[in-house]
Amino acid sequence: MALTALVLDVLSRVWPFFLLVGAGLALARLRLLDGRMTQGLSAYVYWIGFPALLLHSLSRLGRPGHDLLLGLVAYAGVGLLLMAATVAAGRLLGWSKDERAGAGMASGVGNSAFLALPVTAAVLGAEAARLVAGVVAVDFAVLATAGVGLLGWAAGRSVWRSTVQAFRNPVVAAAFAGVALALLDIALPEPLDRAVGMAAASGSPVGLVALGAALGLRETEGEAAPSGAPVVLAALVKLVAFPLLVWLAVGLTPAPPLFRAGATLLAAAPTAVNVFIQTRAYGVWPRGAARIVALTTAASAVTLAVAALLLTARVR
């Protein structure tokens, strides 16, 4: 009964995501959105929607204490390790650079802010959600930066140049700006904050519609479907390996047990729609990224519920 209730709770949180993805897919199949229009939606999210969203949300985080900081470092280390391992595995399996970069980013950057964090608050309590809010900053300021560097590398830049160029990415820059405002305890002027908040509210919904449109355009534009192996491996790394290793790694730090449980639950989040937006912007395996986002989000209705049930039993 407890598992059923958790699955239903997670489904109620996932369902709106699929409604928006379905809307984008339907518009594409009805030919109301074509490839150029979908790129326009993605460009809006890339330059305005997601940067505003990150600046608005991350600037409200508090400063982590010493123990929490070590827990966040452990989380970041696991994410970077798994992204590198996915890229290395892809090379051994003969994947293209685009597949390795796209799958690598998808295996590490999760939908922690809009799905896993609310689930954490509902299952583990408001205090757990407060403790693990910094994980959202790690996802976008550290893991997303590494992922964008991978995309730049796949697009033909050197590793060094792609890493430096990652900091010019509007989403990455907004993440760092938001974290800096939080650490310095600086608030945006009220009129600017309201404008950023309005743009922030549009980021995730428009991104999901663009994701659905990209899935719907798969056949109409005649492009080859992405290979299944990178999609499946990235999904398994994100939903299974990431939370397991975060549980072990954070357990080696002095971070509180409640943070350990919450960070593990956030690590189990499906791949973020931002991964699709970034791959679309760089022209690196966007359809594969779209499939990973859709697959992991669908699977998370069960995997997040199971993780929540196990972690709740541990905490209690």
C-alpha atoms as a PDB file:
ATOM      1  CA  MET A   1       0.000   0.000   0.000  1.00  0.00           C
ATOM      2  CA  ALA A   2       2.825   2.395   0.841  1.00  0.00           C
ATOM      3  CA  LEU A   3       4.497   1.750  -2.522  1.00  0.00           C
ATOM      4  CA  THR A   4       1.197   2.249  -4.352  1.00  0.00           C
ATOM      5  CA  ALA A   5       0.628   5.562  -2.600  1.00  0.00           C
ATOM      6  CA  LEU A   6       4.146   6.716  -3.464  1.00  0.00           C
ATOM      7  CA  VAL A   7       3.774   5.683  -7.110  1.00  0.00           C
ATOM      8  CA  LEU A   8       0.496   7.601  -7.324  1.00  0.00           C
ATOM      9  CA  ASP A   9       2.106  10.633  -5.690  1.00  0.00           C
ATOM     10  CA  VAL A  10       5.030  10.593  -8.112  1.00  0.00           C
ATOM     11  CA  LEU A  11       2.651  10.036 -11.039  1.00  0.00           C
ATOM     12  CA  SER A  12       0.650  13.085 -10.018  1.00  0.00           C
ATOM     13  CA  ARG A  13       3.868  15.118 -10.204  1.00  0.00           C
ATOM     14  CA  VAL A  14       5.099  13.566 -13.465  1.00  0.00           C
ATOM     15  CA  TRP A  15       1.749  13.791 -15.277  1.00  0.00           C
ATOM     16  CA  PRO A  16       1.907  17.573 -15.960  1.00  0.00           C
ATOM     17  CA  PHE A  17       5.312  17.073 -17.590  1.00  0.00           C
ATOM     18  CA  PHE A  18       3.835  14.573 -20.029  1.00  0.00           C
ATOM     19  CA  LEU A  19       0.834  16.756 -20.768  1.00  0.00           C
ATOM     20  CA  LEU A  20       3.168  19.499 -21.978  1.00  0.00           C
ATOM     21  CA  VAL A  21       5.394  17.062 -23.869  1.00  0.00           C
ATOM     22  CA  GLY A  22       2.259  15.578 -25.438  1.00  0.00           C
ATOM     23  CA  ALA A  23       1.067  19.034 -26.440  1.00  0.00           C
ATOM     24  CA  GLY A  24       4.323  19.694 -28.269  1.00  0.00           C
ATOM     25  CA  LEU A  25       4.233  16.276 -29.940  1.00  0.00           C
ATOM     26  CA  ALA A  26       0.633  16.817 -31.074  1.00  0.00           C
ATOM     27  CA  LEU A  27       1.436  20.249 -32.511  1.00  0.00           C
ATOM     28  CA  ALA A  28       4.321  18.749 -34.479  1.00  0.00           C
ATOM     29  CA  ARG A  29       2.278  15.822 -35.793  1.00  0.00           C
ATOM     30  CA  LEU A  30      -0.517  18.215 -36.801  1.00  0.00           C
ATOM     31  CA  ARG A  31       2.132  20.285 -38.604  1.00  0.00           C
ATOM     32  CA  LEU A  32       1.352  23.325 -36.491  1.00  0.00           C
ATOM     33  CA  LEU A  33       4.992  23.321 -35.363  1.00  0.00           C
ATOM     34  CA  ASP A  34       7.799  22.623 -37.823  1.00  0.00           C
ATOM     35  CA  GLY A  35      11.531  22.313 -37.295  1.00  0.00           C
ATOM     36  CA  ARG A  36      12.203  26.041 -37.523  1.00  0.00           C
ATOM     37  CA  MET A  37       9.458  26.858 -35.011  1.00  0.00           C
ATOM     38  CA  THR A  38      10.736  24.201 -32.623  1.00  0.00           C
ATOM     39  CA  GLN A  39      14.226  25.676 -32.840  1.00  0.00           C
ATOM     40  CA  GLY A  40      12.696  29.043 -31.979  1.00  0.00           C
ATOM     41  CA  LEU A  41      11.100  27.609 -28.842  1.00  0.00           C
ATOM     42  CA  SER A  42      14.387  25.974 -27.881  1.00  0.00           C
ATOM     43  CA  ALA A  43      16.266  29.231 -28.476  1.00  0.00           C
ATOM     44  CA  TYR A  44      13.876  31.108 -26.182  1.00  0.00           C
ATOM     45  CA  VAL A  45      14.379  28.558 -23.409  1.00  0.00           C
ATOM     46  CA  TYR A  46      18.150  28.526 -23.967  1.00  0.00           C
ATOM     47  CA  TRP A  47      18.635  32.297 -23.882  1.00  0.00           C
ATOM     48  CA  ILE A  48      15.815  33.491 -21.615  1.00  0.00           C
ATOM     49  CA  GLY A  49      13.651  30.835 -19.969  1.00  0.00           C
ATOM     50  CA  PHE A  50      16.199  28.584 -18.272  1.00  0.00           C
ATOM     51  CA  PRO A  51      18.696  31.335 -17.383  1.00  0.00           C
ATOM     52  CA  ALA A  52      15.896  33.285 -15.681  1.00  0.00           C
ATOM     53  CA  LEU A  53      14.708  30.132 -13.951  1.00  0.00           C
ATOM     54  CA  LEU A  54      18.138  29.353 -12.516  1.00  0.00           C
ATOM     55  CA  LEU A  55      18.909  32.922 -11.538  1.00  0.00           C
ATOM     56  CA  HIS A  56      15.554  33.228  -9.792  1.00  0.00           C
ATOM     57  CA  SER A  57      15.723  29.923  -7.898  1.00  0.00           C
ATOM     58  CA  LEU A  58      19.433  29.583  -7.073  1.00  0.00           C
ATOM     59  CA  SER A  59      19.746  33.151  -5.785  1.00  0.00           C
ATOM     60  CA  ARG A  60      17.398  32.161  -2.962  1.00  0.00           C
ATOM     61  CA  LEU A  61      19.581  29.354  -1.636  1.00  0.00           C
ATOM     62  CA  GLY A  62      21.355  29.775   1.678  1.00  0.00           C
ATOM     63  CA  ARG A  63      25.026  29.190   2.430  1.00  0.00           C
ATOM     64  CA  PRO A  64      25.822  25.525   3.164  1.00  0.00           C
ATOM     65  CA  GLY A  65      27.683  24.642   6.352  1.00  0.00           C
ATOM     66  CA  HIS A  66      30.921  22.637   6.429  1.00  0.00           C
ATOM     67  CA  ASP A  67      29.282  19.206   6.674  1.00  0.00           C
ATOM     68  CA  LEU A  68      26.738  19.969   3.960  1.00  0.00           C
ATOM     69  CA  LEU A  69      29.482  21.321   1.723  1.00  0.00           C
ATOM     70  CA  LEU A  70      31.361  18.028   1.959  1.00  0.00           C
ATOM     71  CA  GLY A  71      28.160  16.179   1.095  1.00  0.00           C
ATOM     72  CA  LEU A  72      27.667  18.408  -1.952  1.00  0.00           C
ATOM     73  CA  VAL A  73      31.262  17.792  -3.042  1.00  0.00           C
ATOM     74  CA  ALA A  74      30.648  14.043  -2.810  1.00  0.00           C
ATOM     75  CA  TYR A  75      27.493  14.395  -4.923  1.00  0.00           C
ATOM     76  CA  ALA A  76      29.347  16.430  -7.546  1.00  0.00           C
ATOM     77  CA  GLY A  77      32.212  13.942  -7.602  1.00  0.00           C
ATOM     78  CA  VAL A  78      29.864  11.027  -8.257  1.00  0.00           C
ATOM     79  CA  GLY A  79      28.114  12.908 -11.038  1.00  0.00           C
ATOM     80  CA  LEU A  80      31.352  13.851 -12.785  1.00  0.00           C
ATOM     81  CA  LEU A  81      32.703  10.314 -12.409  1.00  0.00           C
ATOM     82  CA  LEU A  82      29.600   8.766 -13.970  1.00  0.00           C
ATOM     83  CA  MET A  83      29.547  11.238 -16.834  1.00  0.00           C
ATOM     84  CA  ALA A  84      33.194  10.436 -17.587  1.00  0.00           C
ATOM     85  CA  ALA A  85      32.507   6.700 -17.276  1.00  0.00           C
ATOM     86  CA  THR A  86      29.603   6.946 -19.732  1.00  0.00           C
ATOM     87  CA  VAL A  87      31.801   8.750 -22.265  1.00  0.00           C
ATOM     88  CA  ALA A  88      34.553   6.148 -21.789  1.00  0.00           C
ATOM     89  CA  ALA A  89      32.092   3.267 -22.163  1.00  0.00           C
ATOM     90  CA  GLY A  90      30.786   4.836 -25.351  1.00  0.00           C
ATOM     91  CA  ARG A  91      34.268   4.921 -26.808  1.00  0.00           C
ATOM     92  CA  LEU A  92      34.764   1.240 -26.039  1.00  0.00           C
ATOM     93  CA  LEU A  93      31.393   0.468 -27.637  1.00  0.00           C
ATOM     94  CA  GLY A  94      32.179   2.429 -30.778  1.00  0.00           C
ATOM     95  CA  TRP A  95      29.714   5.300 -30.331  1.00  0.00           C
ATOM     96  CA  SER A  96      30.169   8.559 -32.204  1.00  0.00           C
ATOM     97  CA  LYS A  97      31.429  11.683 -30.410  1.00  0.00           C
ATOM     98  CA  ASP A  98      27.905  13.113 -30.511  1.00  0.00           C
ATOM     99  CA  GLU A  99      26.486  10.012 -28.834  1.00  0.00           C
ATOM    100  CA  ARG A 100      29.200   9.973 -26.186  1.00  0.00           C
ATOM    101  CA  ALA A 101      28.778  13.647 -25.341  1.00  0.00           C
ATOM    102  CA  GLY A 102      24.979  13.591 -25.338  1.00  0.00           C
ATOM    103  CA  ALA A 103      24.711  10.389 -23.315  1.00  0.00           C
ATOM    104  CA  GLY A 104      27.410  11.601 -20.928  1.00  0.00           C
ATOM    105  CA  MET A 105      25.534  14.797 -20.137  1.00  0.00           C
ATOM    106  CA  ALA A 106      22.208  12.961 -19.885  1.00  0.00           C
ATOM    107  CA  SER A 107      23.647  10.497 -17.371  1.00  0.00           C
ATOM    108  CA  GLY A 108      24.538  13.256 -14.915  1.00  0.00           C
ATOM    109  CA  VAL A 109      22.188  16.256 -15.147  1.00  0.00           C
ATOM    110  CA  GLY A 110      18.842  15.493 -13.531  1.00  0.00           C
ATOM    111  CA  ASN A 111      15.461  17.113 -13.056  1.00  0.00           C
ATOM    112  CA  SER A 112      16.259  17.749  -9.419  1.00  0.00           C
ATOM    113  CA  ALA A 113      14.531  21.105  -9.048  1.00  0.00           C
ATOM    114  CA  PHE A 114      11.089  20.476 -10.513  1.00  0.00           C
ATOM    115  CA  LEU A 115      10.428  16.812  -9.814  1.00  0.00           C
ATOM    116  CA  ALA A 116      12.764  15.248  -7.253  1.00  0.00           C
ATOM    117  CA  LEU A 117      12.866  18.196  -4.839  1.00  0.00           C
ATOM    118  CA  PRO A 118       9.053  18.351  -4.431  1.00  0.00           C
ATOM    119  CA  VAL A 119       8.995  14.564  -4.000  1.00  0.00           C
ATOM    120  CA  THR A 120      11.709  14.881  -1.349  1.00  0.00           C
ATOM    121  CA  ALA A 121       9.671  17.484   0.517  1.00  0.00           C
ATOM    122  CA  ALA A 122       6.560  15.292   0.356  1.00  0.00           C
ATOM    123  CA  VAL A 123       8.294  12.082   1.436  1.00  0.00           C
ATOM    124  CA  LEU A 124      11.148  13.144   3.720  1.00  0.00           C
ATOM    125  CA  GLY A 125       9.804  16.496   4.902  1.00  0.00           C
ATOM    126  CA  ALA A 126      10.496  20.195   4.440  1.00  0.00           C
ATOM    127  CA  GLU A 127      13.738  20.029   6.426  1.00  0.00           C
ATOM    128  CA  ALA A 128      15.168  17.428   4.042  1.00  0.00           C
ATOM    129  CA  ALA A 129      14.208  19.578   1.062  1.00  0.00           C
ATOM    130  CA  ARG A 130      15.928  22.574   2.661  1.00  0.00           C
ATOM    131  CA  LEU A 131      19.099  20.588   3.325  1.00  0.00           C
ATOM    132  CA  VAL A 132      19.404  19.263  -0.228  1.00  0.00           C
ATOM    133  CA  ALA A 133      18.481  22.469  -2.082  1.00  0.00           C
ATOM    134  CA  GLY A 134      22.187  22.978  -2.768  1.00  0.00           C
ATOM    135  CA  VAL A 135      22.158  19.836  -4.926  1.00  0.00           C
ATOM    136  CA  VAL A 136      20.201  21.823  -7.518  1.00  0.00           C
ATOM    137  CA  ALA A 137      23.099  24.280  -7.660  1.00  0.00           C
ATOM    138  CA  VAL A 138      25.542  21.387  -8.128  1.00  0.00           C
ATOM    139  CA  ASP A 139      23.440  19.962 -10.958  1.00  0.00           C
ATOM    140  CA  PHE A 140      23.460  23.195 -12.924  1.00  0.00           C
ATOM    141  CA  ALA A 141      26.684  24.933 -11.860  1.00  0.00           C
ATOM    142  CA  VAL A 142      28.944  21.856 -11.923  1.00  0.00           C
ATOM    143  CA  LEU A 143      27.424  18.938 -13.824  1.00  0.00           C
ATOM    144  CA  ALA A 144      25.721  21.043 -16.493  1.00  0.00           C
ATOM    145  CA  THR A 145      28.967  22.953 -17.027  1.00  0.00           C
ATOM    146  CA  ALA A 146      30.813  19.680 -17.587  1.00  0.00           C
ATOM    147  CA  GLY A 147      28.037  18.505 -19.905  1.00  0.00           C
ATOM    148  CA  VAL A 148      28.163  21.686 -21.973  1.00  0.00           C
ATOM    149  CA  GLY A 149      31.928  21.226 -22.209  1.00  0.00           C
ATOM    150  CA  LEU A 150      31.319  17.738 -23.614  1.00  0.00           C
ATOM    151  CA  LEU A 151      28.901  19.117 -26.200  1.00  0.00           C
ATOM    152  CA  GLY A 152      31.452  21.722 -27.265  1.00  0.00           C
ATOM    153  CA  TRP A 153      34.051  18.968 -27.613  1.00  0.00           C
ATOM    154  CA  ALA A 154      31.669  16.908 -29.758  1.00  0.00           C
ATOM    155  CA  ALA A 155      30.958  19.989 -31.883  1.00  0.00           C
ATOM    156  CA  GLY A 156      34.637  20.138 -32.834  1.00  0.00           C
ATOM    157  CA  ARG A 157      36.338  22.291 -30.223  1.00  0.00           C
ATOM    158  CA  SER A 158      39.331  21.226 -28.159  1.00  0.00           C
ATOM    159  CA  VAL A 159      38.693  19.951 -24.647  1.00  0.00           C
ATOM    160  CA  TRP A 160      40.248  23.094 -23.129  1.00  0.00           C
ATOM    161  CA  ARG A 161      38.377  25.473 -25.404  1.00  0.00           C
ATOM    162  CA  SER A 162      35.065  23.683 -24.923  1.00  0.00           C
ATOM    163  CA  THR A 163      35.484  23.861 -21.135  1.00  0.00           C
ATOM    164  CA  VAL A 164      36.244  27.593 -21.223  1.00  0.00           C
ATOM    165  CA  GLN A 165      33.404  28.216 -23.673  1.00  0.00           C
ATOM    166  CA  ALA A 166      31.014  26.420 -21.311  1.00  0.00           C
ATOM    167  CA  PHE A 167      31.156  29.392 -18.956  1.00  0.00           C
ATOM    168  CA  ARG A 168      29.800  31.589 -21.758  1.00  0.00           C
ATOM    169  CA  ASN A 169      26.734  29.383 -22.024  1.00  0.00           C
ATOM    170  CA  PRO A 170      23.738  31.435 -20.791  1.00  0.00           C
ATOM    171  CA  VAL A 171      22.366  28.611 -18.644  1.00  0.00           C
ATOM    172  CA  VAL A 172      25.731  27.929 -17.002  1.00  0.00           C
ATOM    173  CA  ALA A 173      26.399  31.652 -16.515  1.00  0.00           C
ATOM    174  CA  ALA A 174      22.977  32.116 -14.914  1.00  0.00           C
ATOM    175  CA  ALA A 175      23.597  29.177 -12.570  1.00  0.00           C
ATOM    176  CA  PHE A 176      26.873  30.666 -11.360  1.00  0.00           C
ATOM    177  CA  ALA A 177      25.314  34.120 -11.052  1.00  0.00           C
ATOM    178  CA  GLY A 178      22.487  32.700  -8.951  1.00  0.00           C
ATOM    179  CA  VAL A 179      24.888  30.847  -6.667  1.00  0.00           C
ATOM    180  CA  ALA A 180      27.038  33.976  -6.303  1.00  0.00           C
ATOM    181  CA  LEU A 181      24.015  36.081  -5.327  1.00  0.00           C
ATOM    182  CA  ALA A 182      23.049  33.460  -2.745  1.00  0.00           C
ATOM    183  CA  LEU A 183      26.540  33.233  -1.238  1.00  0.00           C
ATOM    184  CA  LEU A 184      26.865  37.020  -1.098  1.00  0.00           C
ATOM    185  CA  ASP A 185      23.319  37.388   0.228  1.00  0.00           C
ATOM    186  CA  ILE A 186      22.458  39.907  -2.493  1.00  0.00           C
ATOM    187  CA  ALA A 187      18.899  40.318  -3.766  1.00  0.00           C
ATOM    188  CA  LEU A 188      17.966  41.591  -7.205  1.00  0.00           C
ATOM    189  CA  PRO A 189      16.146  44.949  -7.342  1.00  0.00           C
ATOM    190  CA  GLU A 190      12.422  44.299  -7.000  1.00  0.00           C
ATOM    191  CA  PRO A 191      11.363  45.316 -10.554  1.00  0.00           C
ATOM    192  CA  LEU A 192      14.150  43.195 -12.065  1.00  0.00           C
ATOM    193  CA  ASP A 193      13.328  40.299  -9.744  1.00  0.00           C
ATOM    194  CA  ARG A 194       9.687  40.382 -10.858  1.00  0.00           C
ATOM    195  CA  ALA A 195      10.697  40.392 -14.524  1.00  0.00           C
ATOM    196  CA  VAL A 196      13.104  37.493 -13.970  1.00  0.00           C
ATOM    197  CA  GLY A 197      10.391  35.629 -12.066  1.00  0.00           C
ATOM    198  CA  MET A 198       7.939  36.041 -14.945  1.00  0.00           C
ATOM    199  CA  ALA A 199      10.475  34.677 -17.425  1.00  0.00           C
ATOM    200  CA  ALA A 200      11.420  31.902 -14.983  1.00  0.00           C
ATOM    201  CA  ALA A 201       7.837  30.643 -14.866  1.00  0.00           C
ATOM    202  CA  SER A 202       7.945  30.027 -18.621  1.00  0.00           C
ATOM    203  CA  GLY A 203      11.265  28.172 -18.774  1.00  0.00           C
ATOM    204  CA  SER A 204      10.281  24.625 -17.924  1.00  0.00           C
ATOM    205  CA  PRO A 205       6.852  24.580 -19.683  1.00  0.00           C
ATOM    206  CA  VAL A 206       8.205  25.960 -22.964  1.00  0.00           C
ATOM    207  CA  GLY A 207      11.150  23.564 -22.764  1.00  0.00           C
ATOM    208  CA  LEU A 208       8.794  20.602 -22.372  1.00  0.00           C
ATOM    209  CA  VAL A 209       6.694  21.699 -25.349  1.00  0.00           C
ATOM    210  CA  ALA A 210       9.882  22.008 -27.418  1.00  0.00           C
ATOM    211  CA  LEU A 211      10.908  18.530 -26.268  1.00  0.00           C
ATOM    212  CA  GLY A 212       7.567  17.066 -27.369  1.00  0.00           C
ATOM    213  CA  ALA A 213       7.802  18.834 -30.713  1.00  0.00           C
ATOM    214  CA  ALA A 214      11.277  17.383 -31.279  1.00  0.00           C
ATOM    215  CA  LEU A 215       9.931  13.894 -30.605  1.00  0.00           C
ATOM    216  CA  GLY A 216       7.006  14.529 -32.953  1.00  0.00           C
ATOM    217  CA  LEU A 217       9.266  15.764 -35.755  1.00  0.00           C
ATOM    218  CA  ARG A 218      11.326  12.589 -35.716  1.00  0.00           C
ATOM    219  CA  GLU A 219       9.471  10.989 -38.606  1.00  0.00           C
ATOM    220  CA  THR A 220       8.180  14.049 -40.424  1.00  0.00           C
ATOM    221  CA  GLU A 221      11.680  15.395 -41.056  1.00  0.00           C
ATOM    222  CA  GLY A 222      13.027  12.008 -42.129  1.00  0.00           C
ATOM    223  CA  GLU A 223      16.001  11.944 -39.778  1.00  0.00           C
ATOM    224  CA  ALA A 224      17.391   8.618 -38.662  1.00  0.00           C
ATOM    225  CA  ALA A 225      16.274   7.476 -35.231  1.00  0.00           C
ATOM    226  CA  PRO A 226      19.025   7.565 -32.591  1.00  0.00           C
ATOM    227  CA  SER A 227      20.718   4.312 -31.643  1.00  0.00           C
ATOM    228  CA  GLY A 228      19.141   2.589 -28.662  1.00  0.00           C
ATOM    229  CA  ALA A 229      22.319   1.597 -26.794  1.00  0.00           C
ATOM    230  CA  PRO A 230      23.400   5.108 -25.696  1.00  0.00           C
ATOM    231  CA  VAL A 231      19.820   5.920 -24.680  1.00  0.00           C
ATOM    232  CA  VAL A 232      19.450   2.814 -22.527  1.00  0.00           C
ATOM    233  CA  LEU A 233      22.897   3.035 -20.927  1.00  0.00           C
ATOM    234  CA  ALA A 234      22.506   6.717 -20.037  1.00  0.00           C
ATOM    235  CA  ALA A 235      19.068   6.010 -18.556  1.00  0.00           C
ATOM    236  CA  LEU A 236      20.407   3.160 -16.411  1.00  0.00           C
ATOM    237  CA  VAL A 237      23.328   5.248 -15.194  1.00  0.00           C
ATOM    238  CA  LYS A 238      21.035   8.140 -14.302  1.00  0.00           C
ATOM    239  CA  LEU A 239      18.271   6.179 -12.581  1.00  0.00           C
ATOM    240  CA  VAL A 240      20.259   3.354 -10.967  1.00  0.00           C
ATOM    241  CA  ALA A 241      24.013   3.950 -10.713  1.00  0.00           C
ATOM    242  CA  PHE A 242      23.827   7.627  -9.752  1.00  0.00           C
ATOM    243  CA  PRO A 243      21.602   7.236  -6.661  1.00  0.00           C
ATOM    244  CA  LEU A 244      23.421   4.112  -5.481  1.00  0.00           C
ATOM    245  CA  LEU A 245      26.843   5.755  -5.660  1.00  0.00           C
ATOM    246  CA  VAL A 246      25.588   8.991  -4.094  1.00  0.00           C
ATOM    247  CA  TRP A 247      24.237   6.997  -1.148  1.00  0.00           C
ATOM    248  CA  LEU A 248      27.650   5.375  -0.677  1.00  0.00           C
ATOM    249  CA  ALA A 249      29.758   8.494  -1.291  1.00  0.00           C
ATOM    250  CA  VAL A 250      27.746  10.890   0.879  1.00  0.00           C
ATOM    251  CA  GLY A 251      27.805   8.251   3.612  1.00  0.00           C
ATOM    252  CA  LEU A 252      31.577   8.724   3.785  1.00  0.00           C
ATOM    253  CA  THR A 253      31.150  12.405   4.682  1.00  0.00           C
ATOM    254  CA  PRO A 254      29.912  13.996   7.928  1.00  0.00           C
ATOM    255  CA  ALA A 255      26.781  15.260   6.148  1.00  0.00           C
ATOM    256  CA  PRO A 256      23.568  14.592   8.149  1.00  0.00           C
ATOM    257  CA  PRO A 257      21.670  11.343   7.435  1.00  0.00           C
ATOM    258  CA  LEU A 258      18.672  13.355   6.252  1.00  0.00           C
ATOM    259  CA  PHE A 259      20.858  15.106   3.669  1.00  0.00           C
ATOM    260  CA  ARG A 260      22.218  11.733   2.566  1.00  0.00           C
ATOM    261  CA  ALA A 261      18.702  10.416   1.991  1.00  0.00           C
ATOM    262  CA  GLY A 262      17.562  13.565   0.207  1.00  0.00           C
ATOM    263  CA  ALA A 263      20.642  13.767  -2.011  1.00  0.00           C
ATOM    264  CA  THR A 264      20.136  10.132  -3.000  1.00  0.00           C
ATOM    265  CA  LEU A 265      16.538  10.852  -3.946  1.00  0.00           C
ATOM    266  CA  LEU A 266      17.589  13.856  -6.034  1.00  0.00           C
ATOM    267  CA  ALA A 267      20.263  11.724  -7.713  1.00  0.00           C
ATOM    268  CA  ALA A 268      17.466   9.358  -8.778  1.00  0.00           C
ATOM    269  CA  ALA A 269      15.751  12.178 -10.707  1.00  0.00           C
ATOM    270  CA  PRO A 270      15.211  11.657 -14.443  1.00  0.00           C
ATOM    271  CA  THR A 271      17.343  13.505 -16.966  1.00  0.00           C
ATOM    272  CA  ALA A 272      16.557  17.226 -17.060  1.00  0.00           C
ATOM    273  CA  VAL A 273      14.873  18.796 -20.089  1.00  0.00           C
ATOM    274  CA  ASN A 274      17.793  21.254 -20.047  1.00  0.00           C
ATOM    275  CA  VAL A 275      19.924  18.452 -21.512  1.00  0.00           C
ATOM    276  CA  PHE A 276      17.694  18.362 -24.584  1.00  0.00           C
ATOM    277  CA  ILE A 277      17.754  22.172 -24.861  1.00  0.00           C
ATOM    278  CA  GLN A 278      21.562  22.200 -24.729  1.00  0.00           C
ATOM    279  CA  THR A 279      22.005  19.386 -27.262  1.00  0.00           C
ATOM    280  CA  ARG A 280      19.571  21.171 -29.577  1.00  0.00           C
ATOM    281  CA  ALA A 281      21.503  24.440 -29.215  1.00  0.00           C
ATOM    282  CA  TYR A 282      24.824  22.738 -30.018  1.00  0.00           C
ATOM    283  CA  GLY A 283      23.408  20.463 -32.714  1.00  0.00           C
ATOM    284  CA  VAL A 284      24.796  17.432 -30.884  1.00  0.00           C
ATOM    285  CA  TRP A 285      22.481  14.388 -30.746  1.00  0.00           C
ATOM    286  CA  PRO A 286      19.269  16.277 -29.797  1.00  0.00           C
ATOM    287  CA  ARG A 287      16.893  13.458 -30.728  1.00  0.00           C
ATOM    288  CA  GLY A 288      18.801  10.987 -28.606  1.00  0.00           C
ATOM    289  CA  ALA A 289      18.709  13.394 -25.674  1.00  0.00           C
ATOM    290  CA  ALA A 290      14.976  13.891 -26.190  1.00  0.00           C
ATOM    291  CA  ARG A 291      14.446  10.133 -25.964  1.00  0.00           C
ATOM    292  CA  ILE A 292      16.490   9.870 -22.784  1.00  0.00           C
ATOM    293  CA  VAL A 293      14.498  12.666 -21.136  1.00  0.00           C
ATOM    294  CA  ALA A 294      11.205  11.028 -22.112  1.00  0.00           C
ATOM    295  CA  LEU A 295      12.332   7.514 -21.108  1.00  0.00           C
ATOM    296  CA  THR A 296      13.795   8.450 -17.736  1.00  0.00           C
ATOM    297  CA  THR A 297      10.841  10.682 -16.858  1.00  0.00           C
ATOM    298  CA  ALA A 298       8.407   7.851 -17.602  1.00  0.00           C
ATOM    299  CA  ALA A 299      10.485   5.294 -15.686  1.00  0.00           C
ATOM    300  CA  SER A 300      10.905   7.634 -12.725  1.00  0.00           C
ATOM    301  CA  ALA A 301       7.249   7.172 -11.821  1.00  0.00           C
ATOM    302  CA  VAL A 302       8.349   3.785 -10.484  1.00  0.00           C
ATOM    303  CA  THR A 303      12.054   4.274  -9.709  1.00  0.00           C
ATOM    304  CA  LEU A 304      11.533   7.456  -7.671  1.00  0.00           C
ATOM    305  CA  ALA A 305       8.737   5.796  -5.730  1.00  0.00           C
ATOM    306  CA  VAL A 306      10.888   2.751  -4.928  1.00  0.00           C
ATOM    307  CA  ALA A 307      13.832   4.955  -3.943  1.00  0.00           C
ATOM    308  CA  ALA A 308      11.565   7.090  -1.751  1.00  0.00           C
ATOM    309  CA  LEU A 309      10.164   4.013  -0.016  1.00  0.00           C
ATOM    310  CA  LEU A 310      13.626   2.578   0.708  1.00  0.00           C
ATOM    311  CA  LEU A 311      15.011   5.903   1.900  1.00  0.00           C
ATOM    312  CA  THR A 312      12.019   6.613   4.123  1.00  0.00           C
ATOM    313  CA  ALA A 313      12.545   3.263   5.833  1.00  0.00           C
ATOM    314  CA  ARG A 314      16.246   4.079   6.321  1.00  0.00           C
ATOM    315  CA  VAL A 315      15.622   7.520   7.800  1.00  0.00           C
ATOM    316  CA  ARG A 316      12.946   6.300  10.153  1.00  0.00           C
END
